[in-house]
Amino acid sequence: MSDEYNGWKNRATWNVALWLGNDYTVYRASQGYSTYPQPYLSLRMDFMNGMFKCTHTGDGVSLWDKELDIEALDEMIREF
């Protein structure tokens, strides 16, 4: 049995990816991180400390969830 969730490593990663790609304001902000060495880690710090003051997706998944597949999220952001 696969532990994957809708093609992602787990539900938390899927949920964060869905939020980044489908909330227009978040998506547009995320596009600016595509050239960063660590896009996702930079983005989540700025989301917490910047104008968003955000630490969770709209569904309540923490942007710091220890199960997140950071490499996959980085790749996704680079493709924005």
PDB file of N, CA and C in Angstrom:
ATOM      1  N   MET A   1       0.845  -1.193   0.000  1.00  0.00           N
ATOM      2  CA  MET A   1       0.000   0.000   0.000  1.00  0.00           C
ATOM      3  C   MET A   1       0.883   1.247   0.000  1.00  0.00           C
ATOM      4  N   SER A   2       0.576   2.169  -0.866  1.00  0.00           N
ATOM      5  CA  SER A   2       1.345   3.404  -0.969  1.00  0.00           C
ATOM      6  C   SER A   2       0.887   4.401   0.083  1.00  0.00           C
ATOM      7  N   ASP A   3       1.845   5.151   0.619  1.00  0.00           N
ATOM      8  CA  ASP A   3       1.521   6.194   1.576  1.00  0.00           C
ATOM      9  C   ASP A   3       1.258   7.528   0.878  1.00  0.00           C
ATOM     10  N   GLU A   4       1.366   7.533  -0.442  1.00  0.00           N
ATOM     11  CA  GLU A   4       1.172   8.778  -1.187  1.00  0.00           C
ATOM     12  C   GLU A   4      -0.274   9.262  -1.077  1.00  0.00           C
ATOM     13  N   TYR A   5      -0.417  10.570  -1.251  1.00  0.00           N
ATOM     14  CA  TYR A   5      -1.736  11.191  -1.193  1.00  0.00           C
ATOM     15  C   TYR A   5      -1.892  12.069  -2.427  1.00  0.00           C
ATOM     16  N   ASN A   6      -2.740  11.653  -3.335  1.00  0.00           N
ATOM     17  CA  ASN A   6      -2.976  12.394  -4.582  1.00  0.00           C
ATOM     18  C   ASN A   6      -1.676  12.744  -5.302  1.00  0.00           C
ATOM     19  N   GLY A   7      -0.735  11.810  -5.315  1.00  0.00           N
ATOM     20  CA  GLY A   7       0.533  11.999  -6.019  1.00  0.00           C
ATOM     21  C   GLY A   7       1.619  12.684  -5.203  1.00  0.00           C
ATOM     22  N   TRP A   8       1.312  13.097  -3.986  1.00  0.00           N
ATOM     23  CA  TRP A   8       2.283  13.742  -3.112  1.00  0.00           C
ATOM     24  C   TRP A   8       2.699  12.775  -2.012  1.00  0.00           C
ATOM     25  N   LYS A   9       3.789  13.063  -1.343  1.00  0.00           N
ATOM     26  CA  LYS A   9       4.340  12.173  -0.317  1.00  0.00           C
ATOM     27  C   LYS A   9       3.330  11.858   0.785  1.00  0.00           C
ATOM     28  N   ASN A  10       2.522  12.841   1.158  1.00  0.00           N
ATOM     29  CA  ASN A  10       1.549  12.653   2.232  1.00  0.00           C
ATOM     30  C   ASN A  10       0.485  13.748   2.134  1.00  0.00           C
ATOM     31  N   ARG A  11      -0.523  13.653   2.995  1.00  0.00           N
ATOM     32  CA  ARG A  11      -1.628  14.614   2.952  1.00  0.00           C
ATOM     33  C   ARG A  11      -1.162  16.038   3.261  1.00  0.00           C
ATOM     34  N   ALA A  12      -0.259  16.203   4.211  1.00  0.00           N
ATOM     35  CA  ALA A  12       0.209  17.544   4.571  1.00  0.00           C
ATOM     36  C   ALA A  12       0.870  18.224   3.374  1.00  0.00           C
ATOM     37  N   THR A  13       1.741  17.508   2.678  1.00  0.00           N
ATOM     38  CA  THR A  13       2.418  18.078   1.505  1.00  0.00           C
ATOM     39  C   THR A  13       1.404  18.405   0.418  1.00  0.00           C
ATOM     40  N   TRP A  14       0.482  17.491   0.187  1.00  0.00           N
ATOM     41  CA  TRP A  14      -0.571  17.726  -0.805  1.00  0.00           C
ATOM     42  C   TRP A  14      -1.359  18.986  -0.466  1.00  0.00           C
ATOM     43  N   ASN A  15      -1.736  19.149   0.794  1.00  0.00           N
ATOM     44  CA  ASN A  15      -2.547  20.284   1.202  1.00  0.00           C
ATOM     45  C   ASN A  15      -1.800  21.602   1.030  1.00  0.00           C
ATOM     46  N   VAL A  16      -0.539  21.638   1.422  1.00  0.00           N
ATOM     47  CA  VAL A  16       0.266  22.852   1.253  1.00  0.00           C
ATOM     48  C   VAL A  16       0.424  23.164  -0.236  1.00  0.00           C
ATOM     49  N   ALA A  17       0.716  22.150  -1.043  1.00  0.00           N
ATOM     50  CA  ALA A  17       0.865  22.346  -2.486  1.00  0.00           C
ATOM     51  C   ALA A  17      -0.435  22.858  -3.103  1.00  0.00           C
ATOM     52  N   LEU A  18      -1.546  22.296  -2.685  1.00  0.00           N
ATOM     53  CA  LEU A  18      -2.845  22.720  -3.187  1.00  0.00           C
ATOM     54  C   LEU A  18      -3.101  24.183  -2.837  1.00  0.00           C
ATOM     55  N   TRP A  19      -2.797  24.549  -1.625  1.00  0.00           N
ATOM     56  CA  TRP A  19      -2.989  25.932  -1.165  1.00  0.00           C
ATOM     57  C   TRP A  19      -2.085  26.892  -1.933  1.00  0.00           C
ATOM     58  N   LEU A  20      -0.814  26.525  -2.100  1.00  0.00           N
ATOM     59  CA  LEU A  20       0.126  27.393  -2.818  1.00  0.00           C
ATOM     60  C   LEU A  20      -0.285  27.593  -4.272  1.00  0.00           C
ATOM     61  N   GLY A  21      -0.815  26.549  -4.870  1.00  0.00           N
ATOM     62  CA  GLY A  21      -1.140  26.612  -6.290  1.00  0.00           C
ATOM     63  C   GLY A  21      -2.537  27.090  -6.621  1.00  0.00           C
ATOM     64  N   ASN A  22      -3.427  27.125  -5.631  1.00  0.00           N
ATOM     65  CA  ASN A  22      -4.824  27.414  -5.946  1.00  0.00           C
ATOM     66  C   ASN A  22      -5.412  28.642  -5.271  1.00  0.00           C
ATOM     67  N   ASP A  23      -4.715  29.208  -4.323  1.00  0.00           N
ATOM     68  CA  ASP A  23      -5.162  30.483  -3.748  1.00  0.00           C
ATOM     69  C   ASP A  23      -4.414  31.557  -4.532  1.00  0.00           C
ATOM     70  N   TYR A  24      -5.132  32.364  -5.307  1.00  0.00           N
ATOM     71  CA  TYR A  24      -4.486  33.271  -6.248  1.00  0.00           C
ATOM     72  C   TYR A  24      -3.474  34.202  -5.584  1.00  0.00           C
ATOM     73  N   THR A  25      -3.821  34.777  -4.471  1.00  0.00           N
ATOM     74  CA  THR A  25      -2.917  35.711  -3.791  1.00  0.00           C
ATOM     75  C   THR A  25      -1.659  34.989  -3.321  1.00  0.00           C
ATOM     76  N   VAL A  26      -1.834  33.815  -2.760  1.00  0.00           N
ATOM     77  CA  VAL A  26      -0.706  33.010  -2.288  1.00  0.00           C
ATOM     78  C   VAL A  26       0.144  32.562  -3.478  1.00  0.00           C
ATOM     79  N   TYR A  27      -0.508  32.133  -4.541  1.00  0.00           N
ATOM     80  CA  TYR A  27       0.193  31.701  -5.752  1.00  0.00           C
ATOM     81  C   TYR A  27       1.062  32.827  -6.315  1.00  0.00           C
ATOM     82  N   ARG A  28       0.473  34.015  -6.441  1.00  0.00           N
ATOM     83  CA  ARG A  28       1.229  35.146  -6.988  1.00  0.00           C
ATOM     84  C   ARG A  28       2.421  35.495  -6.093  1.00  0.00           C
ATOM     85  N   ALA A  29       2.218  35.455  -4.796  1.00  0.00           N
ATOM     86  CA  ALA A  29       3.325  35.732  -3.874  1.00  0.00           C
ATOM     87  C   ALA A  29       4.401  34.650  -4.008  1.00  0.00           C
ATOM     88  N   SER A  30       3.980  33.402  -4.145  1.00  0.00           N
ATOM     89  CA  SER A  30       4.917  32.272  -4.240  1.00  0.00           C
ATOM     90  C   SER A  30       5.779  32.341  -5.493  1.00  0.00           C
ATOM     91  N   GLN A  31       5.236  32.879  -6.557  1.00  0.00           N
ATOM     92  CA  GLN A  31       5.993  32.977  -7.807  1.00  0.00           C
ATOM     93  C   GLN A  31       7.297  33.749  -7.618  1.00  0.00           C
ATOM     94  N   GLY A  32       7.313  34.692  -6.727  1.00  0.00           N
ATOM     95  CA  GLY A  32       8.505  35.491  -6.486  1.00  0.00           C
ATOM     96  C   GLY A  32       9.638  34.731  -5.829  1.00  0.00           C
ATOM     97  N   TYR A  33       9.386  33.511  -5.398  1.00  0.00           N
ATOM     98  CA  TYR A  33      10.403  32.707  -4.714  1.00  0.00           C
ATOM     99  C   TYR A  33      11.025  31.648  -5.614  1.00  0.00           C
ATOM    100  N   SER A  34      10.649  31.618  -6.869  1.00  0.00           N
ATOM    101  CA  SER A  34      11.089  30.545  -7.762  1.00  0.00           C
ATOM    102  C   SER A  34      12.599  30.477  -7.961  1.00  0.00           C
ATOM    103  N   THR A  35      13.313  31.568  -7.756  1.00  0.00           N
ATOM    104  CA  THR A  35      14.766  31.554  -7.950  1.00  0.00           C
ATOM    105  C   THR A  35      15.553  31.464  -6.639  1.00  0.00           C
ATOM    106  N   TYR A  36      14.859  31.398  -5.529  1.00  0.00           N
ATOM    107  CA  TYR A  36      15.531  31.297  -4.233  1.00  0.00           C
ATOM    108  C   TYR A  36      16.192  29.922  -4.095  1.00  0.00           C
ATOM    109  N   PRO A  37      17.325  29.832  -3.393  1.00  0.00           N
ATOM    110  CA  PRO A  37      17.973  28.535  -3.180  1.00  0.00           C
ATOM    111  C   PRO A  37      17.062  27.540  -2.440  1.00  0.00           C
ATOM    112  N   GLN A  38      16.280  28.033  -1.502  1.00  0.00           N
ATOM    113  CA  GLN A  38      15.328  27.199  -0.757  1.00  0.00           C
ATOM    114  C   GLN A  38      13.968  27.901  -0.794  1.00  0.00           C
ATOM    115  N   PRO A  39      13.277  27.782  -1.922  1.00  0.00           N
ATOM    116  CA  PRO A  39      12.050  28.554  -2.108  1.00  0.00           C
ATOM    117  C   PRO A  39      11.015  28.374  -1.000  1.00  0.00           C
ATOM    118  N   TYR A  40      10.704  27.134  -0.661  1.00  0.00           N
ATOM    119  CA  TYR A  40       9.633  26.919   0.316  1.00  0.00           C
ATOM    120  C   TYR A  40      10.004  27.436   1.700  1.00  0.00           C
ATOM    121  N   LEU A  41      11.221  27.161   2.141  1.00  0.00           N
ATOM    122  CA  LEU A  41      11.630  27.595   3.478  1.00  0.00           C
ATOM    123  C   LEU A  41      11.639  29.122   3.573  1.00  0.00           C
ATOM    124  N   SER A  42      12.079  29.793   2.514  1.00  0.00           N
ATOM    125  CA  SER A  42      12.070  31.257   2.486  1.00  0.00           C
ATOM    126  C   SER A  42      10.648  31.792   2.482  1.00  0.00           C
ATOM    127  N   LEU A  43       9.806  31.187   1.660  1.00  0.00           N
ATOM    128  CA  LEU A  43       8.426  31.623   1.543  1.00  0.00           C
ATOM    129  C   LEU A  43       7.682  31.497   2.871  1.00  0.00           C
ATOM    130  N   ARG A  44       7.817  30.360   3.537  1.00  0.00           N
ATOM    131  CA  ARG A  44       7.047  30.189   4.775  1.00  0.00           C
ATOM    132  C   ARG A  44       7.501  31.154   5.871  1.00  0.00           C
ATOM    133  N   MET A  45       8.792  31.480   5.920  1.00  0.00           N
ATOM    134  CA  MET A  45       9.260  32.468   6.901  1.00  0.00           C
ATOM    135  C   MET A  45       8.663  33.836   6.594  1.00  0.00           C
ATOM    136  N   ASP A  46       8.658  34.202   5.321  1.00  0.00           N
ATOM    137  CA  ASP A  46       8.096  35.488   4.936  1.00  0.00           C
ATOM    138  C   ASP A  46       6.580  35.513   5.132  1.00  0.00           C
ATOM    139  N   PHE A  47       5.916  34.402   4.902  1.00  0.00           N
ATOM    140  CA  PHE A  47       4.477  34.343   5.142  1.00  0.00           C
ATOM    141  C   PHE A  47       4.170  34.530   6.620  1.00  0.00           C
ATOM    142  N   MET A  48       5.006  34.007   7.482  1.00  0.00           N
ATOM    143  CA  MET A  48       4.786  34.144   8.916  1.00  0.00           C
ATOM    144  C   MET A  48       5.087  35.570   9.376  1.00  0.00           C
ATOM    145  N   ASN A  49       6.177  36.132   8.887  1.00  0.00           N
ATOM    146  CA  ASN A  49       6.647  37.431   9.370  1.00  0.00           C
ATOM    147  C   ASN A  49       6.160  38.630   8.564  1.00  0.00           C
ATOM    148  N   GLY A  50       5.675  38.395   7.361  1.00  0.00           N
ATOM    149  CA  GLY A  50       5.283  39.493   6.479  1.00  0.00           C
ATOM    150  C   GLY A  50       3.817  39.851   6.574  1.00  0.00           C
ATOM    151  N   MET A  51       3.292  40.309   5.468  1.00  0.00           N
ATOM    152  CA  MET A  51       1.918  40.805   5.462  1.00  0.00           C
ATOM    153  C   MET A  51       0.882  39.716   5.678  1.00  0.00           C
ATOM    154  N   PHE A  52       1.214  38.457   5.374  1.00  0.00           N
ATOM    155  CA  PHE A  52       0.239  37.380   5.526  1.00  0.00           C
ATOM    156  C   PHE A  52       0.034  36.959   6.987  1.00  0.00           C
ATOM    157  N   LYS A  53       1.083  37.059   7.798  1.00  0.00           N
ATOM    158  CA  LYS A  53       1.025  36.605   9.197  1.00  0.00           C
ATOM    159  C   LYS A  53       0.389  35.213   9.253  1.00  0.00           C
ATOM    160  N   CYS A  54       0.903  34.327   8.421  1.00  0.00           N
ATOM    161  CA  CYS A  54       0.279  33.033   8.179  1.00  0.00           C
ATOM    162  C   CYS A  54       1.224  31.895   8.560  1.00  0.00           C
ATOM    163  N   THR A  55       0.711  30.917   9.311  1.00  0.00           N
ATOM    164  CA  THR A  55       1.502  29.738   9.674  1.00  0.00           C
ATOM    165  C   THR A  55       0.814  28.434   9.282  1.00  0.00           C
ATOM    166  N   HIS A  56      -0.410  28.524   8.748  1.00  0.00           N
ATOM    167  CA  HIS A  56      -1.192  27.340   8.374  1.00  0.00           C
ATOM    168  C   HIS A  56      -1.931  27.601   7.061  1.00  0.00           C
ATOM    169  N   THR A  57      -2.263  26.530   6.372  1.00  0.00           N
ATOM    170  CA  THR A  57      -3.121  26.653   5.196  1.00  0.00           C
ATOM    171  C   THR A  57      -4.543  26.940   5.669  1.00  0.00           C
ATOM    172  N   GLY A  58      -5.418  27.213   4.753  1.00  0.00           N
ATOM    173  CA  GLY A  58      -6.817  27.438   5.092  1.00  0.00           C
ATOM    174  C   GLY A  58      -7.477  26.226   5.727  1.00  0.00           C
ATOM    175  N   ASP A  59      -6.917  25.045   5.489  1.00  0.00           N
ATOM    176  CA  ASP A  59      -7.439  23.808   6.078  1.00  0.00           C
ATOM    177  C   ASP A  59      -6.778  23.464   7.399  1.00  0.00           C
ATOM    178  N   GLY A  60      -5.894  24.340   7.876  1.00  0.00           N
ATOM    179  CA  GLY A  60      -5.278  24.132   9.179  1.00  0.00           C
ATOM    180  C   GLY A  60      -4.004  23.317   9.199  1.00  0.00           C
ATOM    181  N   VAL A  61      -3.433  23.030   8.041  1.00  0.00           N
ATOM    182  CA  VAL A  61      -2.165  22.291   7.997  1.00  0.00           C
ATOM    183  C   VAL A  61      -1.020  23.274   8.248  1.00  0.00           C
ATOM    184  N   SER A  62      -0.161  22.938   9.179  1.00  0.00           N
ATOM    185  CA  SER A  62       0.962  23.804   9.518  1.00  0.00           C
ATOM    186  C   SER A  62       1.968  23.869   8.384  1.00  0.00           C
ATOM    187  N   LEU A  63       2.431  25.071   8.105  1.00  0.00           N
ATOM    188  CA  LEU A  63       3.490  25.232   7.101  1.00  0.00           C
ATOM    189  C   LEU A  63       4.812  24.692   7.626  1.00  0.00           C
ATOM    190  N   TRP A  64       4.841  24.309   8.903  1.00  0.00           N
ATOM    191  CA  TRP A  64       6.020  23.729   9.536  1.00  0.00           C
ATOM    192  C   TRP A  64       5.826  22.251   9.859  1.00  0.00           C
ATOM    193  N   ASP A  65       4.809  21.626   9.321  1.00  0.00           N
ATOM    194  CA  ASP A  65       4.558  20.210   9.589  1.00  0.00           C
ATOM    195  C   ASP A  65       5.827  19.411   9.304  1.00  0.00           C
ATOM    196  N   LYS A  66       6.228  18.584  10.244  1.00  0.00           N
ATOM    197  CA  LYS A  66       7.491  17.834  10.102  1.00  0.00           C
ATOM    198  C   LYS A  66       7.441  16.797   8.981  1.00  0.00           C
ATOM    199  N   GLU A  67       6.265  16.474   8.502  1.00  0.00           N
ATOM    200  CA  GLU A  67       6.128  15.480   7.442  1.00  0.00           C
ATOM    201  C   GLU A  67       6.187  16.069   6.033  1.00  0.00           C
ATOM    202  N   LEU A  68       6.251  17.388   5.915  1.00  0.00           N
ATOM    203  CA  LEU A  68       6.253  18.021   4.592  1.00  0.00           C
ATOM    204  C   LEU A  68       7.457  17.579   3.762  1.00  0.00           C
ATOM    205  N   ASP A  69       7.202  17.340   2.490  1.00  0.00           N
ATOM    206  CA  ASP A  69       8.262  17.024   1.536  1.00  0.00           C
ATOM    207  C   ASP A  69       8.752  18.359   0.954  1.00  0.00           C
ATOM    208  N   ILE A  70       9.733  18.934   1.629  1.00  0.00           N
ATOM    209  CA  ILE A  70      10.241  20.260   1.268  1.00  0.00           C
ATOM    210  C   ILE A  70      10.807  20.266  -0.157  1.00  0.00           C
ATOM    211  N   GLU A  71      11.504  19.219  -0.536  1.00  0.00           N
ATOM    212  CA  GLU A  71      12.086  19.160  -1.883  1.00  0.00           C
ATOM    213  C   GLU A  71      11.006  19.223  -2.955  1.00  0.00           C
ATOM    214  N   ALA A  72       9.909  18.521  -2.747  1.00  0.00           N
ATOM    215  CA  ALA A  72       8.816  18.535  -3.724  1.00  0.00           C
ATOM    216  C   ALA A  72       8.157  19.916  -3.777  1.00  0.00           C
ATOM    217  N   LEU A  73       7.996  20.547  -2.623  1.00  0.00           N
ATOM    218  CA  LEU A  73       7.419  21.897  -2.596  1.00  0.00           C
ATOM    219  C   LEU A  73       8.354  22.905  -3.250  1.00  0.00           C
ATOM    220  N   ASP A  74       9.662  22.756  -3.029  1.00  0.00           N
ATOM    221  CA  ASP A  74      10.638  23.615  -3.707  1.00  0.00           C
ATOM    222  C   ASP A  74      10.515  23.469  -5.224  1.00  0.00           C
ATOM    223  N   GLU A  75      10.439  22.234  -5.682  1.00  0.00           N
ATOM    224  CA  GLU A  75      10.339  21.972  -7.122  1.00  0.00           C
ATOM    225  C   GLU A  75       9.069  22.603  -7.695  1.00  0.00           C
ATOM    226  N   MET A  76       7.983  22.476  -6.972  1.00  0.00           N
ATOM    227  CA  MET A  76       6.716  23.041  -7.438  1.00  0.00           C
ATOM    228  C   MET A  76       6.829  24.561  -7.571  1.00  0.00           C
ATOM    229  N   ILE A  77       7.398  25.207  -6.556  1.00  0.00           N
ATOM    230  CA  ILE A  77       7.533  26.663  -6.578  1.00  0.00           C
ATOM    231  C   ILE A  77       8.443  27.092  -7.724  1.00  0.00           C
ATOM    232  N   ARG A  78       9.510  26.346  -7.963  1.00  0.00           N
ATOM    233  CA  ARG A  78      10.418  26.675  -9.076  1.00  0.00           C
ATOM    234  C   ARG A  78       9.717  26.608 -10.417  1.00  0.00           C
ATOM    235  N   GLU A  79       8.692  25.780 -10.517  1.00  0.00           N
ATOM    236  CA  GLU A  79       7.945  25.642 -11.768  1.00  0.00           C
ATOM    237  C   GLU A  79       6.880  26.730 -11.953  1.00  0.00           C
ATOM    238  N   PHE A  80       6.609  27.511 -10.902  1.00  0.00           N
ATOM    239  CA  PHE A  80       5.659  28.615 -11.025  1.00  0.00           C
ATOM    240  C   PHE A  80       6.248  29.587 -11.972  1.00  0.00           C
TER     241      PHE A  80
END
